[in-house]
Amino acid sequence: MKKLLLFVSAILVMLFSFSYSTSAKVIDIEVVKGVSVSLEKYLEPSTMTDPVLVTGSWGLNEHLLLKCAYLTEEERNMLGGRYSFNEKMAVLFEHQWKDSDHSNKYGFIYKFNLGDRWDLVGLAEYESKKITLTGQAEYQLFNGITAYAGFEYAKPDQGDAFTNLLVGAEYKPIDIFALYFDYLIPEEGDELIYVGVTYSF
């Protein structure tokens, strides 16, 4: 009961304090050695011309992960990575470019473990004078299923700040394969359904 009250309190704190990213999924901290490939795409709304995000990641050791990605249709390239200090804290870095347009993103992640199944994750990102704060709760169910819910708060350099809601689930039946589903509810506009699949070698 005490853990449940702590979790509800944390969700309320996130509601008033935290974060729109393209997708959320389970926010990873720890790095696994090896290579993985992922594909991500919007299902709703969806057209044949919608971009697909293709990402390749390489875990060099238990601390450093490097990645490269390509967003089809938009023809945007990305290079970046994650450095994990321990199982609770990591930093992110990413460089994106398309023709002469480019930007850098920096982030910091901290994960609070609330028990055997509950985690609370906070993510702060800075990109081109835009600040995004994300708060997400993750609950490990059974048979490799993790459910999550979160709030995203973004403050662009120009324009008004906005907050969005996200819920989703990840299904990981084996260590080398994962499938996830996101349902994003923007502050303005239509709801979005996003799916992704990851395969590790």
C-alpha atoms as a PDB file:
ATOM      1  CA  MET A   1       0.000   0.000   0.000  1.00  0.00           C
ATOM      2  CA  LYS A   2       2.866   2.352   0.855  1.00  0.00           C
ATOM      3  CA  LYS A   3       4.456   1.745  -2.580  1.00  0.00           C
ATOM      4  CA  LEU A   4       1.135   2.434  -4.300  1.00  0.00           C
ATOM      5  CA  LEU A   5       0.736   5.747  -2.456  1.00  0.00           C
ATOM      6  CA  LEU A   6       4.305   6.705  -3.345  1.00  0.00           C
ATOM      7  CA  PHE A   7       3.636   5.910  -6.994  1.00  0.00           C
ATOM      8  CA  VAL A   8       0.385   7.914  -7.124  1.00  0.00           C
ATOM      9  CA  SER A   9       2.148  10.865  -5.495  1.00  0.00           C
ATOM     10  CA  ALA A  10       4.946  10.674  -8.045  1.00  0.00           C
ATOM     11  CA  ILE A  11       2.445  10.613 -10.926  1.00  0.00           C
ATOM     12  CA  LEU A  12       0.765  13.744  -9.545  1.00  0.00           C
ATOM     13  CA  VAL A  13       4.135  15.464  -9.311  1.00  0.00           C
ATOM     14  CA  MET A  14       4.840  14.546 -12.926  1.00  0.00           C
ATOM     15  CA  LEU A  15       1.430  15.805 -13.980  1.00  0.00           C
ATOM     16  CA  PHE A  16       2.292  19.285 -12.790  1.00  0.00           C
ATOM     17  CA  SER A  17       5.959  19.350 -13.647  1.00  0.00           C
ATOM     18  CA  PHE A  18       6.937  17.273 -16.610  1.00  0.00           C
ATOM     19  CA  SER A  19       6.991  16.597 -20.979  1.00  0.00           C
ATOM     20  CA  TYR A  20       6.563  15.736 -26.972  1.00  0.00           C
ATOM     21  CA  SER A  21       9.111  13.449 -28.300  1.00  0.00           C
ATOM     22  CA  THR A  22       8.599  11.390 -31.423  1.00  0.00           C
ATOM     23  CA  SER A  23       8.121   8.315 -29.315  1.00  0.00           C
ATOM     24  CA  ALA A  24       8.634   7.303 -25.748  1.00  0.00           C
ATOM     25  CA  LYS A  25       8.841   3.529 -25.252  1.00  0.00           C
ATOM     26  CA  VAL A  26      10.695   2.284 -22.177  1.00  0.00           C
ATOM     27  CA  ILE A  27      13.447   4.813 -21.431  1.00  0.00           C
ATOM     28  CA  ASP A  28      16.657   2.823 -21.196  1.00  0.00           C
ATOM     29  CA  ILE A  29      19.537   3.629 -18.876  1.00  0.00           C
ATOM     30  CA  GLU A  30      21.800   0.607 -18.902  1.00  0.00           C
ATOM     31  CA  VAL A  31      23.800  -0.277 -22.004  1.00  0.00           C
ATOM     32  CA  VAL A  32      23.956  -3.824 -23.394  1.00  0.00           C
ATOM     33  CA  LYS A  33      26.949  -4.829 -25.489  1.00  0.00           C
ATOM     34  CA  GLY A  34      26.111  -5.715 -29.081  1.00  0.00           C
ATOM     35  CA  VAL A  35      24.320  -4.394 -32.157  1.00  0.00           C
ATOM     36  CA  SER A  36      20.608  -3.700 -32.579  1.00  0.00           C
ATOM     37  CA  VAL A  37      18.375  -2.338 -35.355  1.00  0.00           C
ATOM     38  CA  SER A  38      14.992  -0.676 -34.890  1.00  0.00           C
ATOM     39  CA  LEU A  39      12.186   0.583 -37.142  1.00  0.00           C
ATOM     40  CA  GLU A  40       9.599   3.114 -35.948  1.00  0.00           C
ATOM     41  CA  LYS A  41       6.510   4.538 -37.701  1.00  0.00           C
ATOM     42  CA  TYR A  42       3.190   6.260 -37.090  1.00  0.00           C
ATOM     43  CA  LEU A  43       0.178   4.009 -37.665  1.00  0.00           C
ATOM     44  CA  GLU A  44      -2.474   6.675 -37.148  1.00  0.00           C
ATOM     45  CA  PRO A  45      -2.655   9.003 -38.918  1.00  0.00           C
ATOM     46  CA  SER A  46      -0.756   7.127 -41.627  1.00  0.00           C
ATOM     47  CA  THR A  47      -0.035   7.460 -45.339  1.00  0.00           C
ATOM     48  CA  MET A  48       2.445   5.753 -47.629  1.00  0.00           C
ATOM     49  CA  THR A  49       4.599   8.873 -47.527  1.00  0.00           C
ATOM     50  CA  ASP A  50       4.919   8.947 -43.739  1.00  0.00           C
ATOM     51  CA  PRO A  51       8.564   8.704 -42.689  1.00  0.00           C
ATOM     52  CA  VAL A  52      10.048   5.617 -41.078  1.00  0.00           C
ATOM     53  CA  LEU A  53      12.832   6.046 -38.518  1.00  0.00           C
ATOM     54  CA  VAL A  54      15.566   3.444 -39.037  1.00  0.00           C
ATOM     55  CA  THR A  55      18.131   3.249 -36.216  1.00  0.00           C
ATOM     56  CA  GLY A  56      21.245   1.178 -35.726  1.00  0.00           C
ATOM     57  CA  SER A  57      22.807   1.020 -32.253  1.00  0.00           C
ATOM     58  CA  TRP A  58      26.109  -0.396 -31.048  1.00  0.00           C
ATOM     59  CA  GLY A  59      26.801  -1.048 -27.375  1.00  0.00           C
ATOM     60  CA  LEU A  60      30.580  -0.868 -27.023  1.00  0.00           C
ATOM     61  CA  ASN A  61      30.600  -1.883 -23.348  1.00  0.00           C
ATOM     62  CA  GLU A  62      28.329  -1.637 -20.304  1.00  0.00           C
ATOM     63  CA  HIS A  63      28.578   2.184 -20.340  1.00  0.00           C
ATOM     64  CA  LEU A  64      28.731   3.563 -23.907  1.00  0.00           C
ATOM     65  CA  LEU A  65      26.177   3.108 -26.702  1.00  0.00           C
ATOM     66  CA  LEU A  66      26.549   4.749 -30.125  1.00  0.00           C
ATOM     67  CA  LYS A  67      23.756   5.085 -32.679  1.00  0.00           C
ATOM     68  CA  CYS A  68      23.067   6.298 -36.199  1.00  0.00           C
ATOM     69  CA  ALA A  69      19.593   6.880 -37.630  1.00  0.00           C
ATOM     70  CA  TYR A  70      17.872   7.925 -40.831  1.00  0.00           C
ATOM     71  CA  LEU A  71      14.374   9.375 -41.159  1.00  0.00           C
ATOM     72  CA  THR A  72      12.971   8.459 -44.591  1.00  0.00           C
ATOM     73  CA  GLU A  73      10.951  10.933 -46.679  1.00  0.00           C
ATOM     74  CA  GLU A  74      12.422  13.801 -44.655  1.00  0.00           C
ATOM     75  CA  GLU A  75      15.915  12.481 -45.454  1.00  0.00           C
ATOM     76  CA  ARG A  76      17.195  13.505 -42.033  1.00  0.00           C
ATOM     77  CA  ASN A  77      20.345  11.895 -40.610  1.00  0.00           C
ATOM     78  CA  MET A  78      21.222  11.431 -36.931  1.00  0.00           C
ATOM     79  CA  LEU A  79      24.341  10.425 -35.016  1.00  0.00           C
ATOM     80  CA  GLY A  80      24.437  10.141 -31.257  1.00  0.00           C
ATOM     81  CA  GLY A  81      24.736   7.937 -28.249  1.00  0.00           C
ATOM     82  CA  ARG A  82      24.200   7.367 -24.558  1.00  0.00           C
ATOM     83  CA  TYR A  83      26.672   7.107 -21.709  1.00  0.00           C
ATOM     84  CA  SER A  84      25.411   5.250 -18.635  1.00  0.00           C
ATOM     85  CA  PHE A  85      27.149   6.059 -15.360  1.00  0.00           C
ATOM     86  CA  ASN A  86      25.259   3.291 -13.536  1.00  0.00           C
ATOM     87  CA  GLU A  87      21.836   1.616 -13.610  1.00  0.00           C
ATOM     88  CA  LYS A  88      20.109   4.868 -12.583  1.00  0.00           C
ATOM     89  CA  MET A  89      21.798   7.738 -14.435  1.00  0.00           C
ATOM     90  CA  ALA A  90      22.870   8.456 -18.036  1.00  0.00           C
ATOM     91  CA  VAL A  91      23.557  11.305 -20.455  1.00  0.00           C
ATOM     92  CA  LEU A  92      22.485  11.541 -24.112  1.00  0.00           C
ATOM     93  CA  PHE A  93      23.918  13.329 -27.124  1.00  0.00           C
ATOM     94  CA  GLU A  94      22.668  13.573 -30.712  1.00  0.00           C
ATOM     95  CA  HIS A  95      23.504  15.504 -33.881  1.00  0.00           C
ATOM     96  CA  GLN A  96      20.869  15.816 -36.641  1.00  0.00           C
ATOM     97  CA  TRP A  97      21.292  17.220 -40.127  1.00  0.00           C
ATOM     98  CA  LYS A  98      19.574  17.601 -43.477  1.00  0.00           C
ATOM     99  CA  ASP A  99      21.324  19.610 -46.198  1.00  0.00           C
ATOM    100  CA  SER A 100      22.495  22.807 -44.476  1.00  0.00           C
ATOM    101  CA  ASP A 101      20.074  22.477 -41.551  1.00  0.00           C
ATOM    102  CA  HIS A 102      21.515  20.854 -38.425  1.00  0.00           C
ATOM    103  CA  SER A 103      20.973  20.742 -34.663  1.00  0.00           C
ATOM    104  CA  ASN A 104      22.455  19.215 -31.519  1.00  0.00           C
ATOM    105  CA  LYS A 105      20.561  17.621 -28.658  1.00  0.00           C
ATOM    106  CA  TYR A 106      21.823  16.963 -25.123  1.00  0.00           C
ATOM    107  CA  GLY A 107      19.960  15.060 -22.430  1.00  0.00           C
ATOM    108  CA  PHE A 108      20.133  13.719 -18.907  1.00  0.00           C
ATOM    109  CA  ILE A 109      18.160  10.706 -17.596  1.00  0.00           C
ATOM    110  CA  TYR A 110      17.575   9.578 -14.030  1.00  0.00           C
ATOM    111  CA  LYS A 111      15.584   6.496 -13.068  1.00  0.00           C
ATOM    112  CA  PHE A 112      14.007   5.985  -9.634  1.00  0.00           C
ATOM    113  CA  ASN A 113      13.332   2.368  -8.686  1.00  0.00           C
ATOM    114  CA  LEU A 114      10.157   2.106  -6.608  1.00  0.00           C
ATOM    115  CA  GLY A 115      10.209  -1.661  -6.146  1.00  0.00           C
ATOM    116  CA  ASP A 116      10.539  -4.901  -8.039  1.00  0.00           C
ATOM    117  CA  ARG A 117       8.205  -3.770 -10.833  1.00  0.00           C
ATOM    118  CA  TRP A 118       7.839   0.042 -10.653  1.00  0.00           C
ATOM    119  CA  ASP A 119      10.220   2.648 -12.100  1.00  0.00           C
ATOM    120  CA  LEU A 120       9.927   6.406 -12.432  1.00  0.00           C
ATOM    121  CA  VAL A 121      12.060   8.063 -15.100  1.00  0.00           C
ATOM    122  CA  GLY A 122      12.896  11.729 -15.581  1.00  0.00           C
ATOM    123  CA  LEU A 123      14.451  12.977 -18.837  1.00  0.00           C
ATOM    124  CA  ALA A 124      15.631  16.544 -19.513  1.00  0.00           C
ATOM    125  CA  GLU A 125      16.637  17.492 -23.082  1.00  0.00           C
ATOM    126  CA  TYR A 126      17.995  20.666 -24.684  1.00  0.00           C
ATOM    127  CA  GLU A 127      17.948  21.192 -28.465  1.00  0.00           C
ATOM    128  CA  SER A 128      18.266  24.473 -30.379  1.00  0.00           C
ATOM    129  CA  LYS A 129      17.018  26.587 -27.470  1.00  0.00           C
ATOM    130  CA  LYS A 130      14.100  24.187 -26.918  1.00  0.00           C
ATOM    131  CA  ILE A 131      13.828  22.499 -23.533  1.00  0.00           C
ATOM    132  CA  THR A 132      11.831  19.281 -23.101  1.00  0.00           C
ATOM    133  CA  LEU A 133      11.107  17.640 -19.748  1.00  0.00           C
ATOM    134  CA  THR A 134       9.706  14.118 -19.675  1.00  0.00           C
ATOM    135  CA  GLY A 135       8.332  12.178 -16.725  1.00  0.00           C
ATOM    136  CA  GLN A 136       7.383   8.540 -17.218  1.00  0.00           C
ATOM    137  CA  ALA A 137       6.205   5.723 -14.966  1.00  0.00           C
ATOM    138  CA  GLU A 138       7.011   2.154 -16.036  1.00  0.00           C
ATOM    139  CA  TYR A 139       5.443  -1.003 -14.640  1.00  0.00           C
ATOM    140  CA  GLN A 140       6.706  -4.502 -15.486  1.00  0.00           C
ATOM    141  CA  LEU A 141       3.726  -6.790 -15.907  1.00  0.00           C
ATOM    142  CA  PHE A 142       4.266 -10.426 -16.943  1.00  0.00           C
ATOM    143  CA  ASN A 143       5.683 -12.401 -19.877  1.00  0.00           C
ATOM    144  CA  GLY A 144       7.995  -9.574 -20.934  1.00  0.00           C
ATOM    145  CA  ILE A 145       5.319  -6.839 -21.004  1.00  0.00           C
ATOM    146  CA  THR A 146       6.053  -3.375 -19.600  1.00  0.00           C
ATOM    147  CA  ALA A 147       3.327  -0.711 -19.481  1.00  0.00           C
ATOM    148  CA  TYR A 148       4.193   2.963 -19.197  1.00  0.00           C
ATOM    149  CA  ALA A 149       2.532   6.370 -18.975  1.00  0.00           C
ATOM    150  CA  GLY A 150       4.025   9.814 -18.989  1.00  0.00           C
ATOM    151  CA  PHE A 151       3.750  13.529 -19.502  1.00  0.00           C
ATOM    152  CA  GLU A 152       5.898  15.680 -21.761  1.00  0.00           C
ATOM    153  CA  TYR A 153       6.448  19.405 -21.344  1.00  0.00           C
ATOM    154  CA  ALA A 154       8.230  21.347 -24.101  1.00  0.00           C
ATOM    155  CA  LYS A 155       9.214  25.020 -24.144  1.00  0.00           C
ATOM    156  CA  PRO A 156      10.399  26.157 -27.600  1.00  0.00           C
ATOM    157  CA  ASP A 157      12.540  29.237 -28.165  1.00  0.00           C
ATOM    158  CA  GLN A 158       9.580  30.903 -29.869  1.00  0.00           C
ATOM    159  CA  GLY A 159       5.917  30.218 -29.229  1.00  0.00           C
ATOM    160  CA  ASP A 160       4.006  28.813 -26.296  1.00  0.00           C
ATOM    161  CA  ALA A 161       4.978  25.856 -24.167  1.00  0.00           C
ATOM    162  CA  PHE A 162       2.874  22.713 -24.512  1.00  0.00           C
ATOM    163  CA  THR A 163       2.228  19.535 -22.561  1.00  0.00           C
ATOM    164  CA  ASN A 164       1.305  16.144 -23.998  1.00  0.00           C
ATOM    165  CA  LEU A 165       0.234  12.809 -22.557  1.00  0.00           C
ATOM    166  CA  LEU A 166       1.571   9.422 -23.594  1.00  0.00           C
ATOM    167  CA  VAL A 167       0.641   5.848 -22.703  1.00  0.00           C
ATOM    168  CA  GLY A 168       1.995   2.639 -24.185  1.00  0.00           C
ATOM    169  CA  ALA A 169       3.416  -0.817 -23.724  1.00  0.00           C
ATOM    170  CA  GLU A 170       6.501  -2.779 -24.715  1.00  0.00           C
ATOM    171  CA  TYR A 171       6.466  -6.518 -25.403  1.00  0.00           C
ATOM    172  CA  LYS A 172       9.834  -8.244 -25.087  1.00  0.00           C
ATOM    173  CA  PRO A 173       9.316 -12.034 -25.242  1.00  0.00           C
ATOM    174  CA  ILE A 174      13.066 -12.681 -25.635  1.00  0.00           C
ATOM    175  CA  ASP A 175      16.150 -10.576 -24.993  1.00  0.00           C
ATOM    176  CA  ILE A 176      16.890  -9.965 -28.680  1.00  0.00           C
ATOM    177  CA  PHE A 177      13.414  -8.814 -29.792  1.00  0.00           C
ATOM    178  CA  ALA A 178      11.095  -6.033 -28.624  1.00  0.00           C
ATOM    179  CA  LEU A 179       7.869  -4.534 -29.979  1.00  0.00           C
ATOM    180  CA  TYR A 180       6.324  -1.373 -28.569  1.00  0.00           C
ATOM    181  CA  PHE A 181       3.197   0.700 -29.046  1.00  0.00           C
ATOM    182  CA  ASP A 182       2.673   4.368 -28.118  1.00  0.00           C
ATOM    183  CA  TYR A 183      -0.555   6.340 -27.919  1.00  0.00           C
ATOM    184  CA  LEU A 184       0.208  10.068 -27.888  1.00  0.00           C
ATOM    185  CA  ILE A 185      -2.372  12.680 -26.926  1.00  0.00           C
ATOM    186  CA  PRO A 186      -1.104  16.130 -27.993  1.00  0.00           C
ATOM    187  CA  GLU A 187      -2.299  19.261 -26.256  1.00  0.00           C
ATOM    188  CA  GLU A 188      -3.569  20.394 -29.660  1.00  0.00           C
ATOM    189  CA  GLY A 189      -4.438  18.265 -32.687  1.00  0.00           C
ATOM    190  CA  ASP A 190      -5.326  14.627 -33.238  1.00  0.00           C
ATOM    191  CA  GLU A 191      -4.146  11.678 -31.207  1.00  0.00           C
ATOM    192  CA  LEU A 192      -1.258   9.651 -32.651  1.00  0.00           C
ATOM    193  CA  ILE A 193      -0.458   5.933 -32.660  1.00  0.00           C
ATOM    194  CA  TYR A 194       3.212   5.015 -32.974  1.00  0.00           C
ATOM    195  CA  VAL A 195       4.795   1.567 -33.224  1.00  0.00           C
ATOM    196  CA  GLY A 196       8.353   0.309 -33.206  1.00  0.00           C
ATOM    197  CA  VAL A 197      10.270  -2.965 -33.383  1.00  0.00           C
ATOM    198  CA  THR A 198      13.851  -3.698 -32.279  1.00  0.00           C
ATOM    199  CA  TYR A 199      16.038  -6.685 -33.064  1.00  0.00           C
ATOM    200  CA  SER A 200      19.406  -7.256 -31.373  1.00  0.00           C
ATOM    201  CA  PHE A 201      22.268  -9.365 -32.691  1.00  0.00           C
END
